[in-house]
Amino acid sequence: MGLNAMSALWARTALIWFATVVSLGLYMGINEQFQFAPAHAHIGVLGWLSSAAFAFLHSIAREVRPGSRAGLLHWAAHTLGTAMMTGGLFAALGLGYASLMELVRMGAILIVLSVFWAAIMFWPRLSPRTADPSARA
């Protein structure tokens, strides 16, 4: 298993989300501002953990055909959706800007679409590899 361009991009994205979720958790704990808990949880799961899972999937899946932008578009849609959703949760529930719940809805739709996109994109690339009958041990 090794890093390719997409697995490296997802892994670095996961690290940024991880630093963000840990920093927000520290802020919440020190200042007893627990109204940000929904944003914190979604940053952790949709940002940190999902990005790490996609990095892993890209590292074990067969490469997409050269020149394909499917992986990059998936990364952009999921990352933008996560930023929209978690930013909206932070502002609407944490800061009281209820009108920004629309941002949460739009981000959630983008995330769901990107998850289905990932399933369609990865499904054929994750089939077992058959051993080369001409290869000898």
N, C-alpha and C. Protein backbone atom coordinates (compact mmCIF):
# COMPACT_ATOMS: atom_id res chain seq x y z
N MET A 1 0.86 -1.17 0.00
CA MET A 1 0.00 0.00 0.00
C MET A 1 0.91 1.23 0.00
N GLY A 2 0.61 2.17 -0.87
CA GLY A 2 1.40 3.38 -0.95
C GLY A 2 0.54 4.57 -1.29
N LEU A 3 1.12 5.74 -1.09
CA LEU A 3 0.38 6.96 -1.38
C LEU A 3 0.46 7.29 -2.86
N ASN A 4 -0.68 7.61 -3.43
CA ASN A 4 -0.71 8.19 -4.76
C ASN A 4 -1.16 9.64 -4.56
N ALA A 5 -1.33 10.38 -5.63
CA ALA A 5 -1.65 11.81 -5.49
C ALA A 5 -2.96 12.03 -4.73
N MET A 6 -3.98 11.21 -5.00
CA MET A 6 -5.27 11.41 -4.33
C MET A 6 -5.21 10.98 -2.87
N SER A 7 -4.55 9.87 -2.56
CA SER A 7 -4.48 9.45 -1.16
C SER A 7 -3.67 10.46 -0.34
N ALA A 8 -2.65 11.06 -0.94
CA ALA A 8 -1.88 12.08 -0.25
C ALA A 8 -2.73 13.33 0.01
N LEU A 9 -3.52 13.73 -0.99
CA LEU A 9 -4.39 14.90 -0.82
C LEU A 9 -5.41 14.66 0.28
N TRP A 10 -6.05 13.49 0.28
CA TRP A 10 -7.03 13.17 1.32
C TRP A 10 -6.37 13.08 2.69
N ALA A 11 -5.17 12.49 2.77
CA ALA A 11 -4.48 12.37 4.06
C ALA A 11 -4.12 13.75 4.62
N ARG A 12 -3.66 14.63 3.78
CA ARG A 12 -3.34 15.99 4.24
C ARG A 12 -4.60 16.74 4.65
N THR A 13 -5.68 16.52 3.91
CA THR A 13 -6.96 17.14 4.27
C THR A 13 -7.42 16.62 5.63
N ALA A 14 -7.27 15.31 5.85
CA ALA A 14 -7.64 14.72 7.14
C ALA A 14 -6.84 15.36 8.28
N LEU A 15 -5.57 15.60 8.06
CA LEU A 15 -4.74 16.22 9.11
C LEU A 15 -5.20 17.64 9.43
N ILE A 16 -5.61 18.37 8.41
CA ILE A 16 -6.12 19.73 8.66
C ILE A 16 -7.42 19.67 9.47
N TRP A 17 -8.33 18.76 9.09
CA TRP A 17 -9.57 18.61 9.86
C TRP A 17 -9.27 18.14 11.28
N PHE A 18 -8.29 17.26 11.44
CA PHE A 18 -7.93 16.77 12.78
C PHE A 18 -7.42 17.92 13.65
N ALA A 19 -6.53 18.74 13.11
CA ALA A 19 -6.04 19.91 13.87
C ALA A 19 -7.19 20.85 14.20
N THR A 20 -8.13 21.01 13.28
CA THR A 20 -9.28 21.88 13.51
C THR A 20 -10.17 21.35 14.62
N VAL A 21 -10.49 20.05 14.58
CA VAL A 21 -11.40 19.48 15.58
C VAL A 21 -10.76 19.47 16.97
N VAL A 22 -9.47 19.20 17.04
CA VAL A 22 -8.78 19.21 18.34
C VAL A 22 -8.72 20.64 18.88
N SER A 23 -8.44 21.60 18.02
CA SER A 23 -8.39 23.01 18.46
C SER A 23 -9.76 23.49 18.94
N LEU A 24 -10.82 23.15 18.19
CA LEU A 24 -12.16 23.55 18.62
C LEU A 24 -12.52 22.87 19.93
N GLY A 25 -12.17 21.61 20.09
CA GLY A 25 -12.43 20.90 21.35
C GLY A 25 -11.72 21.55 22.53
N LEU A 26 -10.49 21.97 22.32
CA LEU A 26 -9.74 22.66 23.37
C LEU A 26 -10.42 23.98 23.72
N TYR A 27 -10.79 24.75 22.71
CA TYR A 27 -11.49 26.02 22.94
C TYR A 27 -12.78 25.79 23.72
N MET A 28 -13.56 24.80 23.29
CA MET A 28 -14.83 24.52 23.95
C MET A 28 -14.62 24.15 25.41
N GLY A 29 -13.65 23.31 25.67
CA GLY A 29 -13.40 22.87 27.04
C GLY A 29 -12.90 23.97 27.94
N ILE A 30 -11.93 24.74 27.47
CA ILE A 30 -11.36 25.81 28.29
C ILE A 30 -12.40 26.88 28.60
N ASN A 31 -13.22 27.22 27.61
CA ASN A 31 -14.18 28.32 27.76
C ASN A 31 -15.59 27.86 28.10
N GLU A 32 -15.77 26.55 28.28
CA GLU A 32 -17.08 25.98 28.59
C GLU A 32 -18.14 26.47 27.61
N GLN A 33 -17.82 26.38 26.34
CA GLN A 33 -18.70 26.81 25.25
C GLN A 33 -19.19 25.57 24.50
N PHE A 34 -20.00 24.77 25.17
CA PHE A 34 -20.40 23.48 24.62
C PHE A 34 -21.53 23.54 23.60
N GLN A 35 -22.00 24.74 23.30
CA GLN A 35 -23.00 24.89 22.25
C GLN A 35 -22.40 24.59 20.88
N PHE A 36 -21.08 24.50 20.80
CA PHE A 36 -20.41 24.18 19.53
C PHE A 36 -20.25 22.67 19.33
N ALA A 37 -20.79 21.87 20.24
CA ALA A 37 -20.61 20.41 20.17
C ALA A 37 -21.09 19.80 18.85
N PRO A 38 -22.24 20.22 18.29
CA PRO A 38 -22.63 19.62 16.99
C PRO A 38 -21.61 19.89 15.88
N ALA A 39 -21.09 21.10 15.83
CA ALA A 39 -20.07 21.41 14.81
C ALA A 39 -18.82 20.59 15.07
N HIS A 40 -18.43 20.49 16.33
CA HIS A 40 -17.25 19.73 16.71
C HIS A 40 -17.37 18.26 16.28
N ALA A 41 -18.52 17.66 16.56
CA ALA A 41 -18.73 16.26 16.20
C ALA A 41 -18.70 16.05 14.69
N HIS A 42 -19.32 16.95 13.94
CA HIS A 42 -19.35 16.80 12.48
C HIS A 42 -17.99 17.05 11.85
N ILE A 43 -17.21 17.97 12.41
CA ILE A 43 -15.84 18.17 11.91
C ILE A 43 -15.03 16.90 12.13
N GLY A 44 -15.21 16.28 13.29
CA GLY A 44 -14.48 15.05 13.59
C GLY A 44 -14.84 13.90 12.68
N VAL A 45 -16.15 13.70 12.47
CA VAL A 45 -16.58 12.54 11.69
C VAL A 45 -16.50 12.80 10.18
N LEU A 46 -17.09 13.90 9.73
CA LEU A 46 -17.11 14.17 8.28
C LEU A 46 -15.78 14.70 7.78
N GLY A 47 -15.08 15.46 8.61
CA GLY A 47 -13.80 16.02 8.20
C GLY A 47 -12.66 15.04 8.42
N TRP A 48 -12.31 14.83 9.68
CA TRP A 48 -11.16 14.02 10.03
C TRP A 48 -11.32 12.55 9.64
N LEU A 49 -12.34 11.87 10.14
CA LEU A 49 -12.46 10.44 9.91
C LEU A 49 -12.80 10.09 8.46
N SER A 50 -13.73 10.81 7.86
CA SER A 50 -14.09 10.50 6.47
C SER A 50 -12.93 10.77 5.53
N SER A 51 -12.22 11.86 5.73
CA SER A 51 -11.07 12.16 4.87
C SER A 51 -9.99 11.09 5.02
N ALA A 52 -9.77 10.63 6.25
CA ALA A 52 -8.78 9.56 6.47
C ALA A 52 -9.23 8.27 5.79
N ALA A 53 -10.54 7.97 5.85
CA ALA A 53 -11.06 6.76 5.19
C ALA A 53 -10.89 6.87 3.68
N PHE A 54 -11.17 8.04 3.12
CA PHE A 54 -10.99 8.20 1.67
C PHE A 54 -9.51 8.11 1.28
N ALA A 55 -8.61 8.59 2.14
CA ALA A 55 -7.17 8.44 1.87
C ALA A 55 -6.81 6.96 1.80
N PHE A 56 -7.33 6.19 2.75
CA PHE A 56 -7.08 4.75 2.77
C PHE A 56 -7.64 4.08 1.52
N LEU A 57 -8.89 4.41 1.17
CA LEU A 57 -9.50 3.80 -0.02
C LEU A 57 -8.70 4.12 -1.28
N HIS A 58 -8.25 5.37 -1.40
CA HIS A 58 -7.45 5.72 -2.59
C HIS A 58 -6.12 4.98 -2.60
N SER A 59 -5.58 4.65 -1.42
CA SER A 59 -4.29 3.97 -1.39
C SER A 59 -4.40 2.48 -1.73
N ILE A 60 -5.59 1.87 -1.52
CA ILE A 60 -5.73 0.44 -1.82
C ILE A 60 -6.45 0.17 -3.14
N ALA A 61 -7.18 1.16 -3.64
CA ALA A 61 -7.93 0.96 -4.89
C ALA A 61 -7.01 1.11 -6.09
N ARG A 62 -7.39 0.43 -7.14
CA ARG A 62 -6.64 0.62 -8.39
C ARG A 62 -6.80 2.07 -8.85
N GLU A 63 -5.78 2.56 -9.52
CA GLU A 63 -5.79 3.95 -9.99
C GLU A 63 -6.92 4.19 -10.97
N VAL A 64 -7.43 5.42 -10.95
CA VAL A 64 -8.40 5.86 -11.95
C VAL A 64 -7.63 6.06 -13.25
N ARG A 65 -8.31 5.92 -14.36
CA ARG A 65 -7.62 6.11 -15.64
C ARG A 65 -6.91 7.46 -15.68
N PRO A 66 -5.76 7.54 -16.32
CA PRO A 66 -5.00 8.79 -16.39
C PRO A 66 -5.84 9.93 -16.96
N GLY A 67 -5.72 11.09 -16.36
CA GLY A 67 -6.43 12.26 -16.82
C GLY A 67 -7.82 12.42 -16.23
N SER A 68 -8.29 11.42 -15.48
CA SER A 68 -9.63 11.50 -14.87
C SER A 68 -9.62 12.50 -13.72
N ARG A 69 -10.66 13.30 -13.65
CA ARG A 69 -10.79 14.27 -12.56
C ARG A 69 -11.83 13.84 -11.54
N ALA A 70 -12.31 12.61 -11.65
CA ALA A 70 -13.37 12.13 -10.75
C ALA A 70 -12.94 12.21 -9.30
N GLY A 71 -11.73 11.78 -9.00
CA GLY A 71 -11.25 11.82 -7.62
C GLY A 71 -11.11 13.23 -7.08
N LEU A 72 -10.58 14.11 -7.90
CA LEU A 72 -10.41 15.51 -7.47
C LEU A 72 -11.75 16.20 -7.28
N LEU A 73 -12.70 15.93 -8.16
CA LEU A 73 -14.03 16.51 -8.01
C LEU A 73 -14.72 15.97 -6.76
N HIS A 74 -14.52 14.69 -6.47
CA HIS A 74 -15.08 14.11 -5.25
C HIS A 74 -14.49 14.80 -4.02
N TRP A 75 -13.17 14.97 -4.01
CA TRP A 75 -12.50 15.65 -2.90
C TRP A 75 -13.07 17.06 -2.72
N ALA A 76 -13.21 17.80 -3.80
CA ALA A 76 -13.71 19.18 -3.73
C ALA A 76 -15.15 19.22 -3.20
N ALA A 77 -16.00 18.33 -3.71
CA ALA A 77 -17.40 18.32 -3.27
C ALA A 77 -17.52 17.95 -1.79
N HIS A 78 -16.80 16.93 -1.37
CA HIS A 78 -16.88 16.50 0.04
C HIS A 78 -16.29 17.55 0.98
N THR A 79 -15.16 18.11 0.60
CA THR A 79 -14.50 19.10 1.45
C THR A 79 -15.34 20.37 1.54
N LEU A 80 -15.87 20.83 0.42
CA LEU A 80 -16.73 22.01 0.43
C LEU A 80 -18.00 21.75 1.23
N GLY A 81 -18.62 20.59 1.02
CA GLY A 81 -19.83 20.24 1.77
C GLY A 81 -19.57 20.19 3.27
N THR A 82 -18.45 19.61 3.66
CA THR A 82 -18.12 19.53 5.08
C THR A 82 -17.87 20.92 5.66
N ALA A 83 -17.17 21.77 4.93
CA ALA A 83 -16.92 23.13 5.40
C ALA A 83 -18.22 23.92 5.53
N MET A 84 -19.11 23.76 4.54
CA MET A 84 -20.40 24.46 4.58
C MET A 84 -21.24 23.98 5.77
N MET A 85 -21.33 22.66 5.91
CA MET A 85 -22.17 22.10 6.97
C MET A 85 -21.63 22.45 8.35
N THR A 86 -20.36 22.24 8.58
CA THR A 86 -19.81 22.49 9.91
C THR A 86 -19.73 23.99 10.22
N GLY A 87 -19.44 24.79 9.21
CA GLY A 87 -19.46 26.24 9.42
C GLY A 87 -20.85 26.74 9.75
N GLY A 88 -21.84 26.19 9.04
CA GLY A 88 -23.23 26.55 9.32
C GLY A 88 -23.66 26.12 10.71
N LEU A 89 -23.27 24.92 11.13
CA LEU A 89 -23.59 24.46 12.48
C LEU A 89 -22.94 25.35 13.53
N PHE A 90 -21.69 25.70 13.30
CA PHE A 90 -20.96 26.57 14.22
C PHE A 90 -21.67 27.91 14.37
N ALA A 91 -22.05 28.51 13.24
CA ALA A 91 -22.68 29.83 13.26
C ALA A 91 -24.13 29.76 13.76
N ALA A 92 -24.89 28.79 13.28
CA ALA A 92 -26.32 28.74 13.62
C ALA A 92 -26.55 28.28 15.05
N LEU A 93 -25.94 27.17 15.45
CA LEU A 93 -26.19 26.64 16.79
C LEU A 93 -25.25 27.23 17.83
N GLY A 94 -24.03 27.51 17.43
CA GLY A 94 -23.05 28.03 18.39
C GLY A 94 -23.14 29.52 18.62
N LEU A 95 -23.35 30.27 17.54
CA LEU A 95 -23.36 31.74 17.65
C LEU A 95 -24.76 32.34 17.57
N GLY A 96 -25.76 31.51 17.24
CA GLY A 96 -27.13 31.99 17.22
C GLY A 96 -27.62 32.59 15.92
N TYR A 97 -26.89 32.39 14.82
CA TYR A 97 -27.33 32.89 13.52
C TYR A 97 -28.18 31.81 12.83
N ALA A 98 -29.43 31.69 13.28
CA ALA A 98 -30.31 30.62 12.82
C ALA A 98 -30.52 30.63 11.31
N SER A 99 -30.43 31.78 10.70
CA SER A 99 -30.64 31.87 9.25
C SER A 99 -29.58 31.08 8.47
N LEU A 100 -28.47 30.75 9.11
CA LEU A 100 -27.41 30.01 8.41
C LEU A 100 -27.63 28.50 8.42
N MET A 101 -28.77 28.04 8.95
CA MET A 101 -29.09 26.61 8.86
C MET A 101 -29.25 26.19 7.40
N GLU A 102 -29.56 27.12 6.53
CA GLU A 102 -29.65 26.80 5.10
C GLU A 102 -28.28 26.33 4.58
N LEU A 103 -27.21 26.90 5.11
CA LEU A 103 -25.86 26.48 4.75
C LEU A 103 -25.64 25.02 5.18
N VAL A 104 -26.18 24.66 6.33
CA VAL A 104 -26.08 23.28 6.82
C VAL A 104 -26.79 22.35 5.84
N ARG A 105 -27.98 22.73 5.42
CA ARG A 105 -28.75 21.89 4.50
C ARG A 105 -28.02 21.71 3.16
N MET A 106 -27.51 22.79 2.61
CA MET A 106 -26.80 22.70 1.33
C MET A 106 -25.54 21.85 1.47
N GLY A 107 -24.80 22.06 2.55
CA GLY A 107 -23.60 21.26 2.78
C GLY A 107 -23.92 19.78 2.94
N ALA A 108 -25.01 19.49 3.66
CA ALA A 108 -25.41 18.09 3.86
C ALA A 108 -25.76 17.42 2.54
N ILE A 109 -26.47 18.12 1.68
CA ILE A 109 -26.82 17.57 0.36
C ILE A 109 -25.56 17.30 -0.45
N LEU A 110 -24.62 18.22 -0.42
CA LEU A 110 -23.36 18.05 -1.15
C LEU A 110 -22.59 16.85 -0.61
N ILE A 111 -22.59 16.67 0.71
CA ILE A 111 -21.88 15.53 1.31
C ILE A 111 -22.54 14.22 0.90
N VAL A 112 -23.86 14.14 0.98
CA VAL A 112 -24.56 12.91 0.60
C VAL A 112 -24.27 12.58 -0.86
N LEU A 113 -24.34 13.57 -1.74
CA LEU A 113 -24.03 13.33 -3.15
C LEU A 113 -22.59 12.85 -3.33
N SER A 114 -21.65 13.43 -2.57
CA SER A 114 -20.25 13.03 -2.71
C SER A 114 -20.02 11.61 -2.18
N VAL A 115 -20.78 11.20 -1.19
CA VAL A 115 -20.65 9.83 -0.67
C VAL A 115 -21.15 8.82 -1.70
N PHE A 116 -22.29 9.11 -2.32
CA PHE A 116 -22.78 8.22 -3.39
C PHE A 116 -21.81 8.21 -4.56
N TRP A 117 -21.26 9.37 -4.88
CA TRP A 117 -20.27 9.47 -5.95
C TRP A 117 -19.06 8.59 -5.63
N ALA A 118 -18.60 8.63 -4.37
CA ALA A 118 -17.47 7.81 -3.97
C ALA A 118 -17.78 6.33 -4.10
N ALA A 119 -18.98 5.93 -3.68
CA ALA A 119 -19.36 4.52 -3.79
C ALA A 119 -19.34 4.06 -5.24
N ILE A 120 -19.87 4.87 -6.12
CA ILE A 120 -19.88 4.53 -7.55
C ILE A 120 -18.46 4.52 -8.12
N MET A 121 -17.65 5.47 -7.70
CA MET A 121 -16.29 5.59 -8.21
C MET A 121 -15.40 4.44 -7.71
N PHE A 122 -15.54 4.07 -6.43
CA PHE A 122 -14.67 3.05 -5.85
C PHE A 122 -15.10 1.62 -6.14
N TRP A 123 -16.40 1.39 -6.29
CA TRP A 123 -16.90 0.02 -6.40
C TRP A 123 -16.12 -0.83 -7.39
N PRO A 124 -15.97 -0.41 -8.64
CA PRO A 124 -15.24 -1.26 -9.58
C PRO A 124 -13.73 -1.30 -9.32
N ARG A 125 -13.21 -0.35 -8.61
CA ARG A 125 -11.77 -0.28 -8.37
C ARG A 125 -11.34 -1.09 -7.15
N LEU A 126 -12.30 -1.65 -6.42
CA LEU A 126 -11.99 -2.40 -5.21
C LEU A 126 -12.24 -3.89 -5.36
N SER A 127 -12.44 -4.35 -6.58
CA SER A 127 -12.62 -5.80 -6.79
C SER A 127 -11.27 -6.50 -6.56
N PRO A 128 -11.32 -7.74 -6.13
CA PRO A 128 -10.06 -8.46 -5.85
C PRO A 128 -9.20 -8.56 -7.10
N ARG A 129 -7.92 -8.46 -6.88
CA ARG A 129 -6.98 -8.64 -7.99
C ARG A 129 -6.75 -10.13 -8.18
N THR A 130 -6.72 -10.58 -9.40
CA THR A 130 -6.45 -11.97 -9.66
C THR A 130 -4.96 -12.17 -9.83
N ALA A 131 -4.50 -13.29 -9.36
CA ALA A 131 -3.08 -13.59 -9.47
C ALA A 131 -2.71 -13.85 -10.92
N ASP A 132 -1.54 -13.41 -11.28
CA ASP A 132 -1.04 -13.65 -12.64
C ASP A 132 -0.59 -15.11 -12.72
N PRO A 133 -1.26 -15.92 -13.56
CA PRO A 133 -0.92 -17.35 -13.62
C PRO A 133 0.51 -17.59 -14.13
N SER A 134 1.08 -16.64 -14.82
CA SER A 134 2.44 -16.84 -15.33
C SER A 134 3.50 -16.49 -14.29
N ALA A 135 3.09 -15.85 -13.19
CA ALA A 135 4.06 -15.48 -12.14
C ALA A 135 4.35 -16.72 -11.28
N ARG A 136 5.62 -16.87 -10.94
CA ARG A 136 6.03 -18.02 -10.10
C ARG A 136 6.58 -17.48 -8.80
N ALA A 137 6.32 -18.20 -7.74
CA ALA A 137 6.80 -17.80 -6.41
C ALA A 137 8.25 -18.16 -6.21
